[in-house]
Amino acid sequence: MKWLVQDMLPAQGLFLLKGSPKTGKTTLVKTLMASLDEGYDFLGKKTRVAYSVILEYGKYDMEKSAYYQITDLVNEDPDINLIIIDAMLPVAVPLLTAFNRAAHEHGVAVIFVTHKNKIEDTELGWFNGKWVIRRDKGKRYLQVAIDDHPGFEIKL
């Protein structure tokens, strides 16, 4: 398997990052983007140099389907390896279907960032992997689970 971040983020598929408000989700993905841009380690894991973009779902063109928005991005810049969707609205299965299809057809990784309360347990099966930020006694942890790989936790 090819990885953008070793044992954390495969180079292709749809991935979820969720957590309560103000736990550092957006900060985490922006740090990830900077690490990939330079090929620096991310949370102690090796990365490969990759080009990424971030979209704020709810603020970009809602008239065009999610699939075609990803397709247009990749067609405009074939060097894109990672697309981060910072979701400000509740998630719907048709949207996840479109993002999943686009990720696999175009060979890119898509991370869907959302609050815990904006995604239903029944929608979790659409993701190839999940990152969850949780708080415990004032400390923050990132739990990582990627399909067919053992999960682990990193203190942030």
N, C-alpha and C. Protein backbone atom coordinates (compact mmCIF):
# COMPACT_ATOMS: atom_id res chain seq x y z
N MET A 1 0.84 -1.18 0.00
CA MET A 1 0.00 0.00 0.00
C MET A 1 0.88 1.25 0.00
N LYS A 2 0.52 2.23 -0.79
CA LYS A 2 1.24 3.50 -0.80
C LYS A 2 0.65 4.41 0.28
N TRP A 3 1.54 5.13 0.94
CA TRP A 3 1.12 5.99 2.05
C TRP A 3 1.53 7.43 1.80
N LEU A 4 0.69 8.39 2.22
CA LEU A 4 1.10 9.78 2.32
C LEU A 4 1.78 9.98 3.68
N VAL A 5 1.20 9.38 4.72
CA VAL A 5 1.79 9.35 6.07
C VAL A 5 1.83 7.88 6.49
N GLN A 6 3.02 7.37 6.74
CA GLN A 6 3.21 5.95 7.04
C GLN A 6 2.28 5.47 8.15
N ASP A 7 1.51 4.43 7.84
CA ASP A 7 0.59 3.77 8.78
C ASP A 7 -0.56 4.65 9.27
N MET A 8 -0.68 5.87 8.71
CA MET A 8 -1.75 6.78 9.15
C MET A 8 -2.67 7.21 8.03
N LEU A 9 -2.09 7.47 6.85
CA LEU A 9 -2.88 8.02 5.76
C LEU A 9 -2.45 7.41 4.43
N PRO A 10 -3.22 6.43 3.94
CA PRO A 10 -2.93 5.87 2.62
C PRO A 10 -3.06 6.95 1.54
N ALA A 11 -2.45 6.70 0.39
CA ALA A 11 -2.43 7.68 -0.70
C ALA A 11 -3.76 7.77 -1.44
N GLN A 12 -4.69 6.88 -1.15
CA GLN A 12 -5.97 6.89 -1.86
C GLN A 12 -7.09 6.45 -0.94
N GLY A 13 -8.24 7.12 -1.06
CA GLY A 13 -9.43 6.72 -0.31
C GLY A 13 -10.07 7.90 0.39
N LEU A 14 -11.16 7.61 1.08
CA LEU A 14 -11.92 8.61 1.83
C LEU A 14 -11.71 8.37 3.32
N PHE A 15 -11.29 9.40 4.03
CA PHE A 15 -10.94 9.28 5.44
C PHE A 15 -11.69 10.33 6.25
N LEU A 16 -11.96 10.01 7.49
CA LEU A 16 -12.71 10.87 8.37
C LEU A 16 -11.82 11.37 9.49
N LEU A 17 -11.89 12.66 9.78
CA LEU A 17 -11.30 13.24 10.98
C LEU A 17 -12.45 13.91 11.72
N LYS A 18 -12.75 13.41 12.92
CA LYS A 18 -13.84 14.00 13.69
C LYS A 18 -13.41 14.25 15.11
N GLY A 19 -14.09 15.20 15.72
CA GLY A 19 -13.82 15.55 17.10
C GLY A 19 -14.78 16.62 17.54
N SER A 20 -14.81 16.87 18.82
CA SER A 20 -15.67 17.92 19.36
C SER A 20 -15.17 19.27 18.87
N PRO A 21 -16.02 20.29 18.92
CA PRO A 21 -15.58 21.63 18.53
C PRO A 21 -14.36 22.09 19.34
N LYS A 22 -13.47 22.81 18.68
CA LYS A 22 -12.30 23.41 19.31
C LYS A 22 -11.29 22.41 19.86
N THR A 23 -11.22 21.22 19.24
CA THR A 23 -10.21 20.24 19.67
C THR A 23 -8.95 20.28 18.81
N GLY A 24 -8.94 21.12 17.76
CA GLY A 24 -7.74 21.27 16.95
C GLY A 24 -7.78 20.53 15.63
N LYS A 25 -8.96 20.20 15.13
CA LYS A 25 -9.07 19.46 13.86
C LYS A 25 -8.46 20.23 12.70
N THR A 26 -8.84 21.48 12.55
CA THR A 26 -8.33 22.29 11.44
C THR A 26 -6.84 22.54 11.59
N THR A 27 -6.39 22.80 12.80
CA THR A 27 -4.96 22.98 13.05
C THR A 27 -4.19 21.72 12.68
N LEU A 28 -4.74 20.56 13.03
CA LEU A 28 -4.09 19.29 12.72
C LEU A 28 -3.94 19.10 11.20
N VAL A 29 -5.00 19.37 10.44
CA VAL A 29 -4.90 19.15 8.99
C VAL A 29 -3.99 20.18 8.33
N LYS A 30 -3.95 21.39 8.85
CA LYS A 30 -3.03 22.40 8.29
C LYS A 30 -1.58 22.02 8.59
N THR A 31 -1.32 21.44 9.76
CA THR A 31 0.01 20.93 10.09
C THR A 31 0.36 19.76 9.17
N LEU A 32 -0.61 18.89 8.93
CA LEU A 32 -0.42 17.78 7.99
C LEU A 32 -0.04 18.31 6.61
N MET A 33 -0.77 19.30 6.13
CA MET A 33 -0.48 19.87 4.80
C MET A 33 0.95 20.41 4.73
N ALA A 34 1.37 21.13 5.76
CA ALA A 34 2.73 21.68 5.78
C ALA A 34 3.78 20.56 5.80
N SER A 35 3.53 19.50 6.57
CA SER A 35 4.45 18.37 6.63
C SER A 35 4.58 17.69 5.27
N LEU A 36 3.45 17.48 4.60
CA LEU A 36 3.47 16.84 3.28
C LEU A 36 4.15 17.72 2.25
N ASP A 37 3.93 19.02 2.34
CA ASP A 37 4.52 19.95 1.39
C ASP A 37 6.05 19.88 1.40
N GLU A 38 6.62 19.68 2.59
CA GLU A 38 8.08 19.65 2.73
C GLU A 38 8.64 18.23 2.90
N GLY A 39 7.75 17.24 3.10
CA GLY A 39 8.21 15.88 3.32
C GLY A 39 8.73 15.66 4.74
N TYR A 40 8.30 16.52 5.69
CA TYR A 40 8.71 16.37 7.09
C TYR A 40 7.83 15.32 7.77
N ASP A 41 8.37 14.73 8.85
CA ASP A 41 7.59 13.79 9.64
C ASP A 41 6.34 14.48 10.19
N PHE A 42 5.26 13.71 10.32
CA PHE A 42 4.01 14.20 10.88
C PHE A 42 3.67 13.33 12.07
N LEU A 43 3.64 13.92 13.25
CA LEU A 43 3.36 13.20 14.49
C LEU A 43 4.25 11.96 14.64
N GLY A 44 5.52 12.13 14.26
CA GLY A 44 6.49 11.06 14.39
C GLY A 44 6.45 10.00 13.29
N LYS A 45 5.63 10.22 12.26
CA LYS A 45 5.50 9.26 11.16
C LYS A 45 6.10 9.84 9.89
N LYS A 46 6.77 9.00 9.12
CA LYS A 46 7.36 9.41 7.84
C LYS A 46 6.27 9.82 6.85
N THR A 47 6.57 10.82 6.05
CA THR A 47 5.65 11.27 5.00
C THR A 47 6.36 11.22 3.66
N ARG A 48 5.57 11.35 2.61
CA ARG A 48 6.18 11.57 1.31
C ARG A 48 5.72 12.96 0.86
N VAL A 49 6.52 13.61 0.05
CA VAL A 49 6.16 14.93 -0.43
C VAL A 49 4.88 14.81 -1.25
N ALA A 50 3.90 15.64 -0.91
CA ALA A 50 2.60 15.58 -1.59
C ALA A 50 1.98 16.98 -1.61
N TYR A 51 1.18 17.21 -2.62
CA TYR A 51 0.49 18.49 -2.78
C TYR A 51 -0.94 18.34 -2.29
N SER A 52 -1.39 19.27 -1.44
CA SER A 52 -2.73 19.16 -0.88
C SER A 52 -3.46 20.49 -0.97
N VAL A 53 -4.79 20.41 -0.94
CA VAL A 53 -5.64 21.59 -0.92
C VAL A 53 -6.72 21.38 0.14
N ILE A 54 -7.26 22.49 0.64
CA ILE A 54 -8.33 22.41 1.63
C ILE A 54 -9.53 23.20 1.12
N LEU A 55 -10.71 22.60 1.26
CA LEU A 55 -11.96 23.24 0.86
C LEU A 55 -12.85 23.34 2.08
N GLU A 56 -13.57 24.42 2.19
CA GLU A 56 -14.53 24.56 3.28
C GLU A 56 -15.91 24.23 2.73
N TYR A 57 -16.39 23.03 3.03
CA TYR A 57 -17.69 22.58 2.57
C TYR A 57 -18.77 23.46 3.18
N GLY A 58 -19.63 23.97 2.34
CA GLY A 58 -20.65 24.89 2.79
C GLY A 58 -20.36 26.28 2.29
N LYS A 59 -19.10 26.50 1.86
CA LYS A 59 -18.72 27.81 1.33
C LYS A 59 -18.33 27.75 -0.15
N TYR A 60 -18.13 26.56 -0.68
CA TYR A 60 -17.77 26.50 -2.08
C TYR A 60 -18.99 26.12 -2.91
N ASP A 61 -18.82 26.02 -4.20
CA ASP A 61 -19.92 25.88 -5.16
C ASP A 61 -20.83 24.70 -4.85
N MET A 62 -21.97 24.96 -4.23
CA MET A 62 -22.90 23.90 -3.86
C MET A 62 -23.79 23.48 -5.02
N GLU A 63 -23.76 24.21 -6.12
CA GLU A 63 -24.58 23.86 -7.27
C GLU A 63 -24.00 22.66 -8.01
N LYS A 64 -22.72 22.49 -7.93
CA LYS A 64 -22.04 21.41 -8.64
C LYS A 64 -21.89 20.23 -7.68
N SER A 65 -22.05 19.03 -8.16
CA SER A 65 -21.95 17.87 -7.27
C SER A 65 -20.54 17.72 -6.71
N ALA A 66 -20.45 17.09 -5.55
CA ALA A 66 -19.17 16.87 -4.89
C ALA A 66 -18.21 16.10 -5.80
N TYR A 67 -18.73 15.11 -6.52
CA TYR A 67 -17.89 14.32 -7.42
C TYR A 67 -17.22 15.22 -8.46
N TYR A 68 -18.00 16.08 -9.08
CA TYR A 68 -17.44 16.93 -10.14
C TYR A 68 -16.54 18.02 -9.59
N GLN A 69 -16.75 18.44 -8.36
CA GLN A 69 -15.83 19.41 -7.77
C GLN A 69 -14.45 18.79 -7.57
N ILE A 70 -14.41 17.56 -7.08
CA ILE A 70 -13.13 16.87 -6.92
C ILE A 70 -12.50 16.62 -8.29
N THR A 71 -13.31 16.16 -9.23
CA THR A 71 -12.83 15.90 -10.59
C THR A 71 -12.23 17.16 -11.20
N ASP A 72 -12.92 18.28 -11.07
CA ASP A 72 -12.41 19.54 -11.61
C ASP A 72 -11.09 19.94 -10.97
N LEU A 73 -10.99 19.77 -9.64
CA LEU A 73 -9.73 20.10 -8.95
C LEU A 73 -8.57 19.28 -9.49
N VAL A 74 -8.79 17.97 -9.62
CA VAL A 74 -7.71 17.09 -10.08
C VAL A 74 -7.38 17.36 -11.55
N ASN A 75 -8.39 17.65 -12.36
CA ASN A 75 -8.14 17.97 -13.77
C ASN A 75 -7.36 19.28 -13.92
N GLU A 76 -7.67 20.26 -13.07
CA GLU A 76 -6.97 21.54 -13.13
C GLU A 76 -5.53 21.40 -12.65
N ASP A 77 -5.29 20.54 -11.68
CA ASP A 77 -3.95 20.34 -11.14
C ASP A 77 -3.73 18.86 -10.84
N PRO A 78 -3.24 18.12 -11.82
CA PRO A 78 -3.05 16.67 -11.64
C PRO A 78 -2.03 16.29 -10.56
N ASP A 79 -1.30 17.27 -10.03
CA ASP A 79 -0.32 16.99 -8.98
C ASP A 79 -0.94 16.87 -7.60
N ILE A 80 -2.24 17.15 -7.48
CA ILE A 80 -2.90 17.06 -6.17
C ILE A 80 -2.93 15.61 -5.70
N ASN A 81 -2.49 15.40 -4.45
CA ASN A 81 -2.50 14.08 -3.83
C ASN A 81 -3.52 13.97 -2.71
N LEU A 82 -3.85 15.11 -2.08
CA LEU A 82 -4.71 15.11 -0.91
C LEU A 82 -5.67 16.29 -0.99
N ILE A 83 -6.95 16.00 -0.78
CA ILE A 83 -7.97 17.04 -0.71
C ILE A 83 -8.61 16.95 0.67
N ILE A 84 -8.62 18.06 1.37
CA ILE A 84 -9.20 18.11 2.71
C ILE A 84 -10.50 18.90 2.61
N ILE A 85 -11.58 18.29 3.08
CA ILE A 85 -12.89 18.93 3.09
C ILE A 85 -13.20 19.28 4.54
N ASP A 86 -13.21 20.57 4.87
CA ASP A 86 -13.55 21.02 6.22
C ASP A 86 -15.04 21.27 6.24
N ALA A 87 -15.80 20.31 6.74
CA ALA A 87 -17.27 20.33 6.63
C ALA A 87 -17.90 21.18 7.71
N MET A 88 -18.67 22.15 7.27
CA MET A 88 -19.35 23.04 8.21
C MET A 88 -20.83 22.71 8.32
N LEU A 89 -21.29 21.80 7.49
CA LEU A 89 -22.70 21.42 7.47
C LEU A 89 -22.82 19.94 7.80
N PRO A 90 -24.00 19.47 8.18
CA PRO A 90 -24.18 18.03 8.41
C PRO A 90 -23.87 17.22 7.15
N VAL A 91 -23.41 16.01 7.36
CA VAL A 91 -23.00 15.14 6.27
C VAL A 91 -24.20 14.31 5.80
N ALA A 92 -24.25 14.04 4.51
CA ALA A 92 -25.30 13.20 3.96
C ALA A 92 -24.66 12.07 3.16
N VAL A 93 -25.29 10.91 3.15
CA VAL A 93 -24.74 9.74 2.46
C VAL A 93 -24.46 10.02 0.98
N PRO A 94 -25.34 10.70 0.22
CA PRO A 94 -25.01 10.97 -1.18
C PRO A 94 -23.71 11.76 -1.34
N LEU A 95 -23.44 12.66 -0.41
CA LEU A 95 -22.20 13.43 -0.46
C LEU A 95 -21.00 12.52 -0.23
N LEU A 96 -21.09 11.64 0.76
CA LEU A 96 -19.99 10.72 1.04
C LEU A 96 -19.76 9.77 -0.13
N THR A 97 -20.84 9.32 -0.75
CA THR A 97 -20.73 8.45 -1.92
C THR A 97 -19.95 9.16 -3.02
N ALA A 98 -20.27 10.42 -3.25
CA ALA A 98 -19.60 11.19 -4.32
C ALA A 98 -18.13 11.40 -4.00
N PHE A 99 -17.80 11.76 -2.76
CA PHE A 99 -16.40 11.97 -2.40
C PHE A 99 -15.62 10.66 -2.47
N ASN A 100 -16.22 9.56 -2.04
CA ASN A 100 -15.56 8.25 -2.08
C ASN A 100 -15.28 7.85 -3.53
N ARG A 101 -16.27 7.99 -4.37
CA ARG A 101 -16.11 7.65 -5.80
C ARG A 101 -15.00 8.48 -6.43
N ALA A 102 -15.00 9.78 -6.17
CA ALA A 102 -13.99 10.66 -6.75
C ALA A 102 -12.59 10.31 -6.25
N ALA A 103 -12.46 10.02 -4.95
CA ALA A 103 -11.15 9.68 -4.39
C ALA A 103 -10.57 8.45 -5.07
N HIS A 104 -11.40 7.42 -5.24
CA HIS A 104 -10.90 6.17 -5.83
C HIS A 104 -10.68 6.29 -7.33
N GLU A 105 -11.54 6.99 -8.03
CA GLU A 105 -11.37 7.13 -9.48
C GLU A 105 -10.16 7.98 -9.85
N HIS A 106 -9.85 8.97 -9.01
CA HIS A 106 -8.74 9.88 -9.33
C HIS A 106 -7.46 9.56 -8.57
N GLY A 107 -7.50 8.52 -7.73
CA GLY A 107 -6.29 8.09 -7.03
C GLY A 107 -5.77 9.11 -6.03
N VAL A 108 -6.67 9.79 -5.34
CA VAL A 108 -6.27 10.77 -4.34
C VAL A 108 -6.83 10.38 -2.98
N ALA A 109 -6.28 10.98 -1.95
CA ALA A 109 -6.83 10.83 -0.60
C ALA A 109 -7.71 12.04 -0.33
N VAL A 110 -8.86 11.78 0.29
CA VAL A 110 -9.77 12.85 0.70
C VAL A 110 -10.02 12.67 2.19
N ILE A 111 -9.72 13.72 2.96
CA ILE A 111 -10.01 13.71 4.39
C ILE A 111 -11.22 14.60 4.62
N PHE A 112 -12.23 14.04 5.23
CA PHE A 112 -13.47 14.75 5.55
C PHE A 112 -13.41 15.12 7.02
N VAL A 113 -13.33 16.42 7.32
CA VAL A 113 -13.19 16.92 8.69
C VAL A 113 -14.56 17.40 9.16
N THR A 114 -15.02 16.90 10.30
CA THR A 114 -16.33 17.31 10.80
C THR A 114 -16.40 17.18 12.31
N HIS A 115 -17.43 17.79 12.88
CA HIS A 115 -17.69 17.64 14.32
C HIS A 115 -18.33 16.29 14.56
N LYS A 116 -18.12 15.75 15.74
CA LYS A 116 -18.68 14.44 16.09
C LYS A 116 -20.19 14.39 15.90
N ASN A 117 -20.87 15.47 16.23
CA ASN A 117 -22.33 15.45 16.18
C ASN A 117 -22.90 15.68 14.78
N LYS A 118 -22.04 15.83 13.78
CA LYS A 118 -22.54 16.07 12.43
C LYS A 118 -22.46 14.84 11.54
N ILE A 119 -22.14 13.71 12.13
CA ILE A 119 -22.07 12.47 11.34
C ILE A 119 -22.72 11.35 12.16
N GLU A 120 -23.53 10.57 11.49
CA GLU A 120 -24.23 9.46 12.14
C GLU A 120 -23.38 8.20 12.10
N ASP A 121 -23.56 7.32 13.06
CA ASP A 121 -22.82 6.05 13.08
C ASP A 121 -23.07 5.24 11.81
N THR A 122 -24.26 5.35 11.24
CA THR A 122 -24.58 4.59 10.02
C THR A 122 -23.79 5.09 8.82
N GLU A 123 -23.23 6.29 8.90
CA GLU A 123 -22.46 6.85 7.79
C GLU A 123 -20.98 6.51 7.88
N LEU A 124 -20.54 5.94 8.99
CA LEU A 124 -19.11 5.69 9.19
C LEU A 124 -18.55 4.63 8.26
N GLY A 125 -19.39 3.74 7.75
CA GLY A 125 -18.93 2.68 6.86
C GLY A 125 -18.42 3.17 5.51
N TRP A 126 -18.67 4.42 5.18
CA TRP A 126 -18.21 4.97 3.89
C TRP A 126 -16.73 5.29 3.89
N PHE A 127 -16.10 5.29 5.07
CA PHE A 127 -14.72 5.74 5.17
C PHE A 127 -13.74 4.58 5.18
N ASN A 128 -12.58 4.78 4.53
CA ASN A 128 -11.51 3.80 4.52
C ASN A 128 -10.66 3.87 5.79
N GLY A 129 -10.85 4.91 6.55
CA GLY A 129 -10.11 5.08 7.79
C GLY A 129 -10.69 6.23 8.58
N LYS A 130 -10.43 6.22 9.88
CA LYS A 130 -10.99 7.25 10.76
C LYS A 130 -9.92 7.76 11.70
N TRP A 131 -9.90 9.07 11.87
CA TRP A 131 -9.09 9.73 12.88
C TRP A 131 -10.07 10.41 13.83
N VAL A 132 -9.90 10.21 15.12
CA VAL A 132 -10.79 10.82 16.11
C VAL A 132 -9.92 11.55 17.13
N ILE A 133 -10.20 12.84 17.32
CA ILE A 133 -9.52 13.59 18.38
C ILE A 133 -10.41 13.51 19.62
N ARG A 134 -9.81 13.11 20.72
CA ARG A 134 -10.59 13.04 21.96
C ARG A 134 -9.80 13.71 23.08
N ARG A 135 -10.54 14.16 24.06
CA ARG A 135 -9.95 14.77 25.24
C ARG A 135 -10.14 13.85 26.43
N ASP A 136 -9.11 13.78 27.28
CA ASP A 136 -9.19 12.99 28.49
C ASP A 136 -8.35 13.69 29.56
N LYS A 137 -9.01 14.18 30.57
CA LYS A 137 -8.33 14.86 31.68
C LYS A 137 -7.44 16.00 31.20
N GLY A 138 -7.97 16.80 30.27
CA GLY A 138 -7.25 17.98 29.80
C GLY A 138 -6.21 17.72 28.73
N LYS A 139 -6.00 16.46 28.37
CA LYS A 139 -5.03 16.13 27.31
C LYS A 139 -5.78 15.71 26.07
N ARG A 140 -5.14 15.90 24.91
CA ARG A 140 -5.76 15.52 23.64
C ARG A 140 -5.01 14.34 23.03
N TYR A 141 -5.80 13.46 22.43
CA TYR A 141 -5.25 12.27 21.79
C TYR A 141 -5.85 12.13 20.40
N LEU A 142 -5.08 11.58 19.49
CA LEU A 142 -5.58 11.26 18.15
C LEU A 142 -5.62 9.75 18.04
N GLN A 143 -6.83 9.20 17.85
CA GLN A 143 -7.00 7.77 17.63
C GLN A 143 -7.05 7.55 16.12
N VAL A 144 -6.25 6.61 15.63
CA VAL A 144 -6.16 6.34 14.20
C VAL A 144 -6.58 4.90 13.93
N ALA A 145 -7.49 4.72 12.98
CA ALA A 145 -7.91 3.38 12.55
C ALA A 145 -8.02 3.40 11.02
N ILE A 146 -7.19 2.62 10.37
CA ILE A 146 -7.19 2.50 8.91
C ILE A 146 -7.60 1.07 8.58
N ASP A 147 -8.47 0.90 7.58
CA ASP A 147 -8.92 -0.43 7.19
C ASP A 147 -7.76 -1.41 7.09
N ASP A 148 -7.94 -2.60 7.63
CA ASP A 148 -6.98 -3.70 7.54
C ASP A 148 -5.63 -3.41 8.21
N HIS A 149 -5.55 -2.42 9.08
CA HIS A 149 -4.32 -2.12 9.79
C HIS A 149 -4.66 -1.93 11.26
N PRO A 150 -3.71 -2.29 12.15
CA PRO A 150 -3.99 -2.11 13.58
C PRO A 150 -4.13 -0.62 13.92
N GLY A 151 -5.09 -0.31 14.77
CA GLY A 151 -5.28 1.08 15.20
C GLY A 151 -4.26 1.46 16.27
N PHE A 152 -4.10 2.75 16.48
CA PHE A 152 -3.20 3.23 17.52
C PHE A 152 -3.64 4.63 17.96
N GLU A 153 -2.99 5.12 18.98
CA GLU A 153 -3.34 6.42 19.55
C GLU A 153 -2.06 7.23 19.73
N ILE A 154 -2.13 8.54 19.44
CA ILE A 154 -0.99 9.44 19.58
C ILE A 154 -1.43 10.59 20.49
N LYS A 155 -0.59 10.92 21.47
CA LYS A 155 -0.85 12.08 22.32
C LYS A 155 -0.50 13.34 21.53
N LEU A 156 -1.41 14.30 21.50
CA LEU A 156 -1.17 15.56 20.78
C LEU A 156 -0.62 16.62 21.71
